Amino acid sequence: QAQLVESGGGLVQTGGSLRLSCAASVPFFRLYALNWHRQAPGKQRELVATISSGDSTNYADSVKGRFTISRDNAKKTVYLQMTSLKPEDTAVYYCNARRSGSDIWGQGTQVTVSS
């Protein structure tokens, strides 16, 4: 059964850094577009960063220049390097893998940025 497992969340002070990882057990991992989303309490889930199967990346305006998404197809893992963290980055972060006919989500990992 295809699944995604996030790790790396935690509590960090403003200005700090974290690296999230998402390990996938899916066939043909390299063909998936991979996304990181987040959902803060009382807010809608938002797309934070995307990396295509061809390694093209896109970011939400709120994280550009601070977050970097990357993938390691050999390890079937996608990463989100987060720097210069702000309290407004506090949220549950979800990994997502998409390709035609398939949309897989992880269970989420909590990131809390203290002021």
C-alpha atoms as a PDB file:
ATOM      1  CA  GLN A   1       0.000   0.000   0.000  1.00  0.00           C
ATOM      2  CA  ALA A   2       1.357   3.385  -1.026  1.00  0.00           C
ATOM      3  CA  GLN A   3       2.110   5.700   1.868  1.00  0.00           C
ATOM      4  CA  LEU A   4       4.054   8.780   2.879  1.00  0.00           C
ATOM      5  CA  VAL A   5       5.642   9.306   6.301  1.00  0.00           C
ATOM      6  CA  GLU A   6       6.782  12.757   7.393  1.00  0.00           C
ATOM      7  CA  SER A   7       9.386  13.471  10.044  1.00  0.00           C
ATOM      8  CA  GLY A   8      11.512  16.345  11.290  1.00  0.00           C
ATOM      9  CA  GLY A   9       8.909  18.601  12.824  1.00  0.00           C
ATOM     10  CA  GLY A  10       9.288  20.142  16.242  1.00  0.00           C
ATOM     11  CA  LEU A  11       9.603  23.303  18.294  1.00  0.00           C
ATOM     12  CA  VAL A  12      12.037  26.002  17.160  1.00  0.00           C
ATOM     13  CA  GLN A  13      12.621  29.639  18.008  1.00  0.00           C
ATOM     14  CA  THR A  14      11.992  32.493  15.616  1.00  0.00           C
ATOM     15  CA  GLY A  15      14.823  32.681  13.117  1.00  0.00           C
ATOM     16  CA  GLY A  16      15.668  29.020  13.485  1.00  0.00           C
ATOM     17  CA  SER A  17      15.719  26.235  10.933  1.00  0.00           C
ATOM     18  CA  LEU A  18      14.192  22.793  10.473  1.00  0.00           C
ATOM     19  CA  ARG A  19      14.371  20.179   7.769  1.00  0.00           C
ATOM     20  CA  LEU A  20      11.302  18.075   7.117  1.00  0.00           C
ATOM     21  CA  SER A  21      11.573  14.706   5.417  1.00  0.00           C
ATOM     22  CA  CYS A  22       8.922  12.608   3.747  1.00  0.00           C
ATOM     23  CA  ALA A  23       9.711   8.991   2.991  1.00  0.00           C
ATOM     24  CA  ALA A  24       7.558   7.356   0.338  1.00  0.00           C
ATOM     25  CA  SER A  25       6.680   3.771  -0.336  1.00  0.00           C
ATOM     26  CA  VAL A  26       5.212   4.198  -3.820  1.00  0.00           C
ATOM     27  CA  PRO A  27       6.150   2.596  -7.110  1.00  0.00           C
ATOM     28  CA  PHE A  28       7.662   4.859  -9.781  1.00  0.00           C
ATOM     29  CA  PHE A  29       8.368   7.575  -7.210  1.00  0.00           C
ATOM     30  CA  ARG A  30      10.371   9.558  -9.779  1.00  0.00           C
ATOM     31  CA  LEU A  31       7.190  10.122 -11.845  1.00  0.00           C
ATOM     32  CA  TYR A  32       5.329  11.908  -9.043  1.00  0.00           C
ATOM     33  CA  ALA A  33       5.025  15.606  -8.464  1.00  0.00           C
ATOM     34  CA  LEU A  34       5.713  16.186  -4.768  1.00  0.00           C
ATOM     35  CA  ASN A  35       4.209  18.895  -2.618  1.00  0.00           C
ATOM     36  CA  TRP A  36       4.385  20.244   0.889  1.00  0.00           C
ATOM     37  CA  HIS A  37       1.214  21.768   2.295  1.00  0.00           C
ATOM     38  CA  ARG A  38       0.524  23.236   5.714  1.00  0.00           C
ATOM     39  CA  GLN A  39      -2.496  23.940   7.843  1.00  0.00           C
ATOM     40  CA  ALA A  40      -2.493  26.318  10.768  1.00  0.00           C
ATOM     41  CA  PRO A  41      -5.217  26.199  13.446  1.00  0.00           C
ATOM     42  CA  GLY A  42      -8.427  27.760  12.164  1.00  0.00           C
ATOM     43  CA  LYS A  43      -7.055  28.238   8.650  1.00  0.00           C
ATOM     44  CA  GLN A  44      -7.386  26.446   5.346  1.00  0.00           C
ATOM     45  CA  ARG A  45      -4.678  24.120   4.135  1.00  0.00           C
ATOM     46  CA  GLU A  46      -2.259  25.919   1.837  1.00  0.00           C
ATOM     47  CA  LEU A  47       0.289  24.747  -0.711  1.00  0.00           C
ATOM     48  CA  VAL A  48       3.775  25.716   0.409  1.00  0.00           C
ATOM     49  CA  ALA A  49       6.148  24.191  -2.139  1.00  0.00           C
ATOM     50  CA  THR A  50       6.128  21.923  -5.177  1.00  0.00           C
ATOM     51  CA  ILE A  51       8.772  19.958  -7.033  1.00  0.00           C
ATOM     52  CA  SER A  52       7.927  18.306 -10.332  1.00  0.00           C
ATOM     53  CA  SER A  53       9.192  15.009 -11.687  1.00  0.00           C
ATOM     54  CA  GLY A  54      11.622  17.119 -13.690  1.00  0.00           C
ATOM     55  CA  ASP A  55      12.837  18.973 -10.584  1.00  0.00           C
ATOM     56  CA  SER A  56      11.084  22.263 -11.323  1.00  0.00           C
ATOM     57  CA  THR A  57      10.145  24.026  -8.103  1.00  0.00           C
ATOM     58  CA  ASN A  58       7.537  26.555  -7.040  1.00  0.00           C
ATOM     59  CA  TYR A  59       6.888  28.248  -3.726  1.00  0.00           C
ATOM     60  CA  ALA A  60       4.178  30.195  -1.999  1.00  0.00           C
ATOM     61  CA  ASP A  61       5.066  33.878  -1.787  1.00  0.00           C
ATOM     62  CA  SER A  62       5.099  33.652   2.002  1.00  0.00           C
ATOM     63  CA  VAL A  63       8.046  31.227   2.006  1.00  0.00           C
ATOM     64  CA  LYS A  64      10.070  32.243  -1.064  1.00  0.00           C
ATOM     65  CA  GLY A  65      13.707  32.741  -0.212  1.00  0.00           C
ATOM     66  CA  ARG A  66      13.326  30.914   3.110  1.00  0.00           C
ATOM     67  CA  PHE A  67      12.160  27.384   2.215  1.00  0.00           C
ATOM     68  CA  THR A  68      13.730  24.941  -0.231  1.00  0.00           C
ATOM     69  CA  ILE A  69      12.089  21.772  -1.526  1.00  0.00           C
ATOM     70  CA  SER A  70      14.221  18.952  -2.895  1.00  0.00           C
ATOM     71  CA  ARG A  71      13.890  15.285  -3.722  1.00  0.00           C
ATOM     72  CA  ASP A  72      16.078  12.191  -3.730  1.00  0.00           C
ATOM     73  CA  ASN A  73      14.558   9.665  -6.092  1.00  0.00           C
ATOM     74  CA  ALA A  74      17.003   6.948  -5.065  1.00  0.00           C
ATOM     75  CA  LYS A  75      15.857   7.269  -1.446  1.00  0.00           C
ATOM     76  CA  LYS A  76      12.225   7.960  -2.399  1.00  0.00           C
ATOM     77  CA  THR A  77      12.293  10.976  -0.137  1.00  0.00           C
ATOM     78  CA  VAL A  78      11.271  14.609  -0.451  1.00  0.00           C
ATOM     79  CA  TYR A  79      12.634  17.315   1.835  1.00  0.00           C
ATOM     80  CA  LEU A  80      11.626  20.768   2.936  1.00  0.00           C
ATOM     81  CA  GLN A  81      14.463  22.871   4.298  1.00  0.00           C
ATOM     82  CA  MET A  82      13.006  25.747   6.302  1.00  0.00           C
ATOM     83  CA  THR A  83      15.119  28.683   7.423  1.00  0.00           C
ATOM     84  CA  SER A  84      14.427  32.058   9.042  1.00  0.00           C
ATOM     85  CA  LEU A  85      11.305  30.573  10.584  1.00  0.00           C
ATOM     86  CA  LYS A  86       8.569  32.875  11.813  1.00  0.00           C
ATOM     87  CA  PRO A  87       5.704  32.297  14.270  1.00  0.00           C
ATOM     88  CA  GLU A  88       3.296  32.420  11.312  1.00  0.00           C
ATOM     89  CA  ASP A  89       4.986  29.310   9.924  1.00  0.00           C
ATOM     90  CA  THR A  90       3.485  27.337  12.813  1.00  0.00           C
ATOM     91  CA  ALA A  91       1.288  24.621  11.324  1.00  0.00           C
ATOM     92  CA  VAL A  92       0.929  20.942  10.617  1.00  0.00           C
ATOM     93  CA  TYR A  93       2.970  20.211   7.489  1.00  0.00           C
ATOM     94  CA  TYR A  94       1.757  17.539   5.076  1.00  0.00           C
ATOM     95  CA  CYS A  95       3.608  15.764   2.318  1.00  0.00           C
ATOM     96  CA  ASN A  96       1.662  14.958  -0.871  1.00  0.00           C
ATOM     97  CA  ALA A  97       2.522  12.936  -3.973  1.00  0.00           C
ATOM     98  CA  ARG A  98       0.529  13.300  -7.196  1.00  0.00           C
ATOM     99  CA  ARG A  99       0.455  11.806 -10.626  1.00  0.00           C
ATOM    100  CA  SER A 100      -2.340  10.854 -13.000  1.00  0.00           C
ATOM    101  CA  GLY A 101      -4.867   8.779 -11.074  1.00  0.00           C
ATOM    102  CA  SER A 102      -2.999   8.949  -7.780  1.00  0.00           C
ATOM    103  CA  ASP A 103      -3.058  11.451  -4.920  1.00  0.00           C
ATOM    104  CA  ILE A 104      -1.296  10.308  -1.746  1.00  0.00           C
ATOM    105  CA  TRP A 105      -1.015  12.165   1.571  1.00  0.00           C
ATOM    106  CA  GLY A 106       1.055  11.743   4.671  1.00  0.00           C
ATOM    107  CA  GLN A 107      -0.240  12.039   8.220  1.00  0.00           C
ATOM    108  CA  GLY A 108       1.442  15.378   8.892  1.00  0.00           C
ATOM    109  CA  THR A 109       4.129  16.668  11.218  1.00  0.00           C
ATOM    110  CA  GLN A 110       3.771  19.597  13.616  1.00  0.00           C
ATOM    111  CA  VAL A 111       6.044  22.606  13.302  1.00  0.00           C
ATOM    112  CA  THR A 112       5.850  25.197  16.074  1.00  0.00           C
ATOM    113  CA  VAL A 113       7.827  28.438  15.944  1.00  0.00           C
ATOM    114  CA  SER A 114       8.022  30.307  19.231  1.00  0.00           C
ATOM    115  CA  SER A 115       8.362  34.081  19.360  1.00  0.00           C
END
